Amino acid sequence: MLIAYAARGGGLQRVETAPGAPLPDDVVWIDLLKPTPEEDSFVERTIGASVPTREEMVEIEPSSRLYSEGGARYMTASVLCAVDKATPRLSAVTFILSERALVTVRYDEPKPFEWFAARTCKGPSATPFSITPEGLLIGLFDAVIDRVADILEHVGEEVDSLSQTIFRRAGANAYRKPYQELLKRIGAKGDINSKARESLVTLQRVLLYFSAEIGGSKPSKESLKQIKPMQRDVASLVEHANFLNDKITFLLDAMLGMVSLAQNDIVKLFSVMAVVFMPPTLVASIYGMNFDNMPELHWRHGYPFALGLMLICAVLPYLIFKWRRWL
């Protein structure tokens, strides 16, 4: 799908065009969402630069993600998508900055694109960025960074909640926690955090490449002023993601340790029960042999005597364990 935006009235305006019809001269942003080969060819003729395929976009080497060709800069970043769903994922998005327009190529629907387009179409007061290909590119970067910051903030809150749940004691039910559910939640937050960090690292490389002078051209001074705070924000967010990763790792280790403690308590309980019932079993075995020369065999009080002896043999080890605080 091809979505075109024109610079009109100090903001953006979505342009509806017939398939294959020429785009207006004031189009500054062409958004390709799951483009067809025909749409790729149309955009290539419009901006005079090639559009990378999906296979080329997902390559991880920097030379395939950051390069200049035909007077246009190609920058591919990994953007976090579907965070609110069960399967968050990273999606490669290519930004093509040419003199004619900004072209974005994506095969997913990250929320920053929708939010940025809706905000910019409201008018000049809705965005601090200029309505030019370069300004729109910076605005999209800013929207993506803000989205990752919100995600990390939410992950941090969830990790704090998990920490309180794991280390909160509740009397006799201290170890009766849903371990499997907690482990799943910890793993899910770790997965989102690692994906957010990977997205930030790619954005860090893209911003560095965008701010550099390539082929004798570089961003305007106003754009460079806006890029520098973004680079600082990305660097601080990477550090925060590293901190969250360490905390998640600590919670995972602590959780596994508590699972081991709970298992040890269960094994200890069975061991104590075995020791408690061993002496009564011995007494019952002795008096169950039925030898002719056993004095207690025909004793009137032999049966209650054996029961009492077994009870004493069971209670005595239990009291000793309690006194030594082994229970």
Protein backbone atom coordinates (compact mmCIF):
# COMPACT_ATOMS: atom_id res chain seq x y z
CA MET A 1 0.00 0.00 0.00
CA LEU A 2 1.29 3.44 -0.95
CA ILE A 3 0.40 6.38 1.30
CA ALA A 4 1.49 9.86 0.20
CA TYR A 5 1.58 13.01 2.31
CA ALA A 6 1.90 16.54 0.92
CA ALA A 7 3.12 19.69 2.67
CA ARG A 8 0.04 21.90 2.81
CA GLY A 9 -1.09 24.55 5.26
CA GLY A 10 2.03 24.28 7.37
CA GLY A 11 1.39 20.60 8.06
CA LEU A 12 0.87 17.30 6.32
CA GLN A 13 -2.12 16.31 4.25
CA ARG A 14 -2.79 12.80 3.04
CA VAL A 15 -3.03 12.66 -0.75
CA GLU A 16 -5.32 10.20 -2.48
CA THR A 17 -4.04 9.27 -5.94
CA ALA A 18 -5.04 6.73 -8.52
CA PRO A 19 -2.67 3.77 -8.97
CA GLY A 20 0.14 4.73 -11.31
CA ALA A 21 -0.91 8.40 -11.49
CA PRO A 22 1.89 10.98 -10.93
CA LEU A 23 2.21 12.33 -7.43
CA PRO A 24 1.78 16.07 -6.78
CA ASP A 25 4.95 18.15 -6.61
CA ASP A 26 4.32 19.02 -2.94
CA VAL A 27 4.46 15.39 -1.76
CA VAL A 28 7.19 15.17 0.90
CA TRP A 29 6.57 11.74 2.44
CA ILE A 30 5.80 8.46 0.69
CA ASP A 31 4.98 5.66 3.08
CA LEU A 32 5.19 2.16 1.60
CA LEU A 33 3.38 -0.44 3.74
CA LYS A 34 3.86 -3.98 2.43
CA PRO A 35 4.48 -2.62 -1.07
CA THR A 36 3.84 -4.54 -4.25
CA PRO A 37 6.51 -4.72 -7.01
CA GLU A 38 4.43 -2.23 -9.04
CA GLU A 39 4.45 0.25 -6.15
CA ASP A 40 8.20 -0.19 -5.72
CA SER A 41 8.78 0.55 -9.40
CA PHE A 42 6.49 3.59 -9.26
CA VAL A 43 8.35 5.07 -6.28
CA GLU A 44 11.71 4.36 -7.89
CA ARG A 45 10.64 6.35 -10.95
CA THR A 46 9.29 9.14 -8.77
CA ILE A 47 12.33 9.73 -6.55
CA GLY A 48 14.99 8.44 -8.94
CA ALA A 49 16.36 5.91 -6.44
CA SER A 50 15.86 2.20 -5.91
CA VAL A 51 13.67 0.72 -3.17
CA PRO A 52 15.22 -2.19 -1.21
CA THR A 53 13.45 -5.52 -1.05
CA ARG A 54 12.36 -7.12 2.19
CA GLU A 55 15.25 -9.57 2.05
CA GLU A 56 17.73 -6.69 1.72
CA MET A 57 16.14 -4.83 4.63
CA VAL A 58 16.58 -7.65 7.14
CA GLU A 59 20.32 -8.08 6.53
CA ILE A 60 22.23 -7.20 9.67
CA GLU A 61 25.56 -5.97 8.35
CA PRO A 62 25.89 -2.15 8.57
CA SER A 63 26.89 -1.85 4.90
CA SER A 64 23.47 -3.22 3.94
CA ARG A 65 21.56 -1.01 6.35
CA LEU A 66 23.40 2.31 6.08
CA TYR A 67 24.54 3.46 2.65
CA SER A 68 24.17 6.15 0.02
CA GLU A 69 23.06 5.47 -3.53
CA GLY A 70 21.82 7.66 -6.35
CA GLY A 71 21.96 10.81 -4.26
CA ALA A 72 19.73 9.29 -1.55
CA ARG A 73 20.58 8.05 1.93
CA TYR A 74 19.34 4.62 2.95
CA MET A 75 18.93 3.97 6.67
CA THR A 76 17.34 0.80 8.08
CA ALA A 77 16.39 0.49 11.74
CA SER A 78 14.67 -2.23 13.72
CA VAL A 79 11.44 -0.95 15.25
CA LEU A 80 9.55 -2.71 18.03
CA CYS A 81 6.02 -3.78 17.06
CA ALA A 82 3.04 -5.56 18.64
CA VAL A 83 4.20 -4.91 22.21
CA ASP A 84 0.60 -4.98 23.45
CA LYS A 85 0.08 -8.42 21.93
CA ALA A 86 1.36 -11.84 22.89
CA THR A 87 4.19 -11.89 20.34
CA PRO A 88 6.21 -8.64 20.30
CA ARG A 89 8.67 -8.50 17.43
CA LEU A 90 11.26 -6.35 15.71
CA SER A 91 10.44 -5.13 12.24
CA ALA A 92 12.95 -3.64 9.82
CA VAL A 93 12.00 -0.17 8.54
CA THR A 94 14.00 1.55 5.80
CA PHE A 95 14.15 5.34 5.58
CA ILE A 96 15.15 6.70 2.17
CA LEU A 97 15.99 10.39 2.26
CA SER A 98 16.13 12.01 -1.16
CA GLU A 99 15.84 15.58 -2.38
CA ARG A 100 12.38 14.83 -3.78
CA ALA A 101 10.78 13.21 -0.71
CA LEU A 102 11.20 10.95 2.30
CA VAL A 103 10.31 7.34 1.58
CA THR A 104 9.65 4.83 4.35
CA VAL A 105 9.47 1.12 3.54
CA ARG A 106 7.92 -1.17 6.13
CA TYR A 107 6.20 -4.52 6.34
CA ASP A 108 4.59 -4.00 9.73
CA GLU A 109 2.58 -1.30 11.46
CA PRO A 110 4.58 0.28 14.29
CA LYS A 111 2.48 2.68 16.33
CA PRO A 112 4.91 5.65 16.05
CA PHE A 113 4.17 5.96 12.33
CA GLU A 114 0.43 6.17 12.86
CA TRP A 115 0.79 8.60 15.76
CA PHE A 116 3.28 10.85 13.97
CA ALA A 117 1.18 11.03 10.81
CA ALA A 118 -1.99 11.83 12.76
CA ARG A 119 -0.25 14.51 14.82
CA THR A 120 1.50 16.17 11.88
CA CYS A 121 -1.71 16.30 9.84
CA LYS A 122 -3.29 18.47 12.55
CA GLY A 123 -1.24 21.50 11.53
CA PRO A 124 2.04 23.35 12.16
CA SER A 125 1.38 23.79 15.89
CA ALA A 126 1.22 20.02 16.44
CA THR A 127 4.87 19.28 15.62
CA PRO A 128 8.15 21.12 16.25
CA PHE A 129 9.73 19.66 13.11
CA SER A 130 9.80 21.28 9.71
CA ILE A 131 7.55 19.83 7.00
CA THR A 132 10.43 18.81 4.77
CA PRO A 133 11.81 15.35 3.98
CA GLU A 134 14.64 15.94 6.44
CA GLY A 135 12.38 17.35 9.14
CA LEU A 136 9.88 14.52 8.78
CA LEU A 137 12.69 11.98 9.10
CA ILE A 138 13.82 13.57 12.36
CA GLY A 139 10.22 13.65 13.56
CA LEU A 140 9.80 9.94 12.86
CA PHE A 141 13.03 9.17 14.72
CA ASP A 142 11.75 11.18 17.67
CA ALA A 143 8.41 9.33 17.64
CA VAL A 144 10.13 5.94 17.59
CA ILE A 145 12.44 6.94 20.46
CA ASP A 146 9.49 8.19 22.52
CA ARG A 147 7.68 4.91 21.94
CA VAL A 148 10.68 2.85 23.07
CA ALA A 149 11.01 5.07 26.15
CA ASP A 150 7.36 4.41 27.03
CA ILE A 151 7.90 0.67 26.56
CA LEU A 152 10.96 0.65 28.83
CA GLU A 153 9.07 2.66 31.44
CA HIS A 154 6.26 0.10 31.40
CA VAL A 155 8.77 -2.77 31.60
CA GLY A 156 10.41 -1.09 34.60
CA GLU A 157 7.07 -0.84 36.40
CA GLU A 158 6.31 -4.48 35.66
CA VAL A 159 9.74 -5.56 36.90
CA ASP A 160 9.23 -3.63 40.16
CA SER A 161 5.86 -5.32 40.60
CA LEU A 162 7.42 -8.73 39.97
CA SER A 163 10.17 -7.97 42.48
CA GLN A 164 7.63 -7.16 45.18
CA THR A 165 5.65 -10.31 44.40
CA ILE A 166 8.71 -12.56 44.50
CA PHE A 167 10.25 -11.22 47.70
CA ARG A 168 7.05 -10.55 49.65
CA ARG A 169 6.54 -13.09 52.42
CA ALA A 170 3.06 -14.08 53.51
CA GLY A 171 3.53 -16.16 56.63
CA ALA A 172 3.03 -19.86 56.07
CA ASN A 173 2.33 -19.26 52.37
CA ALA A 174 5.70 -17.62 51.74
CA TYR A 175 6.77 -20.22 49.21
CA ARG A 176 3.34 -20.96 47.79
CA LYS A 177 3.68 -18.67 44.79
CA PRO A 178 2.76 -19.43 41.16
CA TYR A 179 6.33 -20.09 40.09
CA GLN A 180 5.53 -21.02 36.50
CA GLU A 181 3.43 -17.90 35.95
CA LEU A 182 6.09 -15.66 37.51
CA LEU A 183 8.83 -17.23 35.40
CA LYS A 184 6.74 -16.66 32.26
CA ARG A 185 6.21 -13.00 33.17
CA ILE A 186 9.90 -12.50 33.89
CA GLY A 187 10.82 -14.10 30.58
CA ALA A 188 8.29 -11.97 28.68
CA LYS A 189 9.64 -8.75 30.17
CA GLY A 190 13.19 -9.82 29.45
CA ASP A 191 12.25 -10.52 25.84
CA ILE A 192 10.63 -7.10 25.38
CA ASN A 193 13.55 -5.36 27.07
CA SER A 194 16.13 -7.09 24.86
CA LYS A 195 14.16 -6.22 21.73
CA ALA A 196 13.84 -2.60 22.86
CA ARG A 197 17.58 -2.44 23.45
CA GLU A 198 18.28 -3.90 20.01
CA SER A 199 15.96 -1.32 18.46
CA LEU A 200 17.77 1.48 20.30
CA VAL A 201 21.16 0.24 19.11
CA THR A 202 20.01 0.33 15.48
CA LEU A 203 18.57 3.82 16.00
CA GLN A 204 21.86 4.91 17.52
CA ARG A 205 23.70 3.79 14.38
CA VAL A 206 21.13 5.44 12.10
CA LEU A 207 21.36 8.79 13.92
CA LEU A 208 25.14 8.70 13.80
CA TYR A 209 25.07 7.94 10.07
CA PHE A 210 22.43 10.59 9.39
CA SER A 211 24.38 13.30 11.19
CA ALA A 212 27.62 12.50 9.34
CA GLU A 213 28.77 14.22 6.18
CA ILE A 214 28.50 11.85 3.23
CA GLY A 215 29.33 12.77 -0.33
CA GLY A 216 29.78 16.41 0.62
CA SER A 217 26.26 16.72 2.06
CA LYS A 218 25.07 16.69 5.63
CA PRO A 219 21.95 17.75 7.55
CA SER A 220 21.23 21.40 8.16
CA LYS A 221 22.35 23.12 11.36
CA GLU A 222 18.79 23.13 12.66
CA SER A 223 18.51 19.40 12.06
CA LEU A 224 21.83 18.76 13.78
CA LYS A 225 20.57 20.68 16.82
CA GLN A 226 17.58 18.37 16.97
CA ILE A 227 19.62 15.21 16.41
CA LYS A 228 22.08 15.77 19.28
CA PRO A 229 19.45 15.57 22.07
CA MET A 230 18.02 12.46 20.39
CA GLN A 231 21.45 10.82 20.45
CA ARG A 232 21.76 11.62 24.16
CA ASP A 233 18.26 10.22 24.77
CA VAL A 234 19.08 7.01 22.91
CA ALA A 235 22.35 6.59 24.83
CA SER A 236 20.57 7.06 28.18
CA LEU A 237 17.80 4.65 27.15
CA VAL A 238 20.39 2.03 26.19
CA GLU A 239 21.91 2.37 29.66
CA HIS A 240 18.45 2.08 31.22
CA ALA A 241 17.74 -1.04 29.15
CA ASN A 242 21.04 -2.54 30.36
CA PHE A 243 20.02 -1.78 33.95
CA LEU A 244 16.64 -3.43 33.44
CA ASN A 245 18.35 -6.43 31.87
CA ASP A 246 20.57 -6.83 34.94
CA LYS A 247 17.55 -6.52 37.22
CA ILE A 248 15.57 -9.06 35.21
CA THR A 249 18.53 -11.45 35.32
CA PHE A 250 18.74 -10.98 39.10
CA LEU A 251 15.01 -11.67 39.48
CA LEU A 252 15.31 -14.77 37.33
CA ASP A 253 18.22 -16.09 39.42
CA ALA A 254 16.39 -15.24 42.64
CA MET A 255 13.25 -16.93 41.39
CA LEU A 256 15.14 -20.11 40.48
CA GLY A 257 16.81 -19.99 43.90
CA MET A 258 13.44 -19.75 45.63
CA VAL A 259 12.15 -22.66 43.57
CA SER A 260 15.14 -24.68 44.77
CA LEU A 261 14.41 -23.66 48.38
CA ALA A 262 10.80 -24.70 48.02
CA GLN A 263 11.87 -28.05 46.59
CA ASN A 264 14.36 -28.50 49.43
CA ASP A 265 11.61 -27.79 51.96
CA ILE A 266 9.46 -30.50 50.39
CA VAL A 267 12.34 -32.99 50.41
CA LYS A 268 13.15 -32.05 54.01
CA LEU A 269 9.54 -32.61 55.03
CA PHE A 270 9.52 -36.09 53.52
CA SER A 271 12.86 -36.87 55.17
CA VAL A 272 11.58 -35.79 58.58
CA MET A 273 8.39 -37.80 58.13
CA ALA A 274 10.45 -40.86 57.23
CA VAL A 275 12.60 -40.42 60.36
CA VAL A 276 9.54 -39.84 62.56
CA PHE A 277 7.79 -43.01 61.42
CA MET A 278 10.90 -45.19 61.41
CA PRO A 279 10.98 -45.99 65.20
CA PRO A 280 7.24 -46.85 65.35
CA THR A 281 7.75 -49.10 62.33
CA LEU A 282 10.61 -50.83 64.16
CA VAL A 283 8.45 -51.40 67.25
CA ALA A 284 5.57 -52.69 65.14
CA SER A 285 7.96 -55.02 63.32
CA ILE A 286 9.33 -56.43 66.56
CA TYR A 287 5.92 -57.16 68.02
CA GLY A 288 4.66 -58.52 64.74
CA MET A 289 7.14 -61.42 64.67
CA ASN A 290 4.91 -63.68 66.87
CA PHE A 291 7.65 -65.78 68.44
CA ASP A 292 6.54 -68.24 71.12
CA ASN A 293 8.97 -66.94 73.73
CA MET A 294 7.92 -63.28 73.52
CA PRO A 295 6.87 -62.31 77.11
CA GLU A 296 4.55 -59.51 75.94
CA LEU A 297 2.67 -61.77 73.48
CA HIS A 298 0.18 -63.02 76.10
CA TRP A 299 0.34 -59.92 78.29
CA ARG A 300 -3.04 -58.35 78.94
CA HIS A 301 -1.74 -54.81 78.44
CA GLY A 302 0.64 -55.68 75.62
CA TYR A 303 -1.43 -54.11 72.85
CA PRO A 304 -1.86 -50.65 74.49
CA PHE A 305 1.77 -50.83 75.63
CA ALA A 306 2.94 -51.34 72.00
CA LEU A 307 0.71 -48.51 70.74
CA GLY A 308 1.99 -46.15 73.43
CA LEU A 309 5.59 -47.11 72.71
CA MET A 310 5.08 -46.42 69.00
CA LEU A 311 3.48 -43.04 69.79
CA ILE A 312 6.38 -42.07 72.03
CA CYS A 313 8.89 -43.16 69.40
CA ALA A 314 7.10 -40.97 66.85
CA VAL A 315 6.65 -37.85 69.01
CA LEU A 316 10.14 -37.88 70.54
CA PRO A 317 12.07 -37.38 67.23
CA TYR A 318 9.59 -34.68 66.23
CA LEU A 319 10.18 -32.78 69.48
CA ILE A 320 13.94 -33.14 69.10
CA PHE A 321 13.76 -31.70 65.55
CA LYS A 322 11.65 -28.77 66.76
CA TRP A 323 14.05 -28.12 69.64
CA ARG A 324 17.04 -28.12 67.28
CA ARG A 325 15.04 -25.91 64.85
CA TRP A 326 15.40 -28.34 62.02
CA LEU A 327 11.72 -27.83 61.19
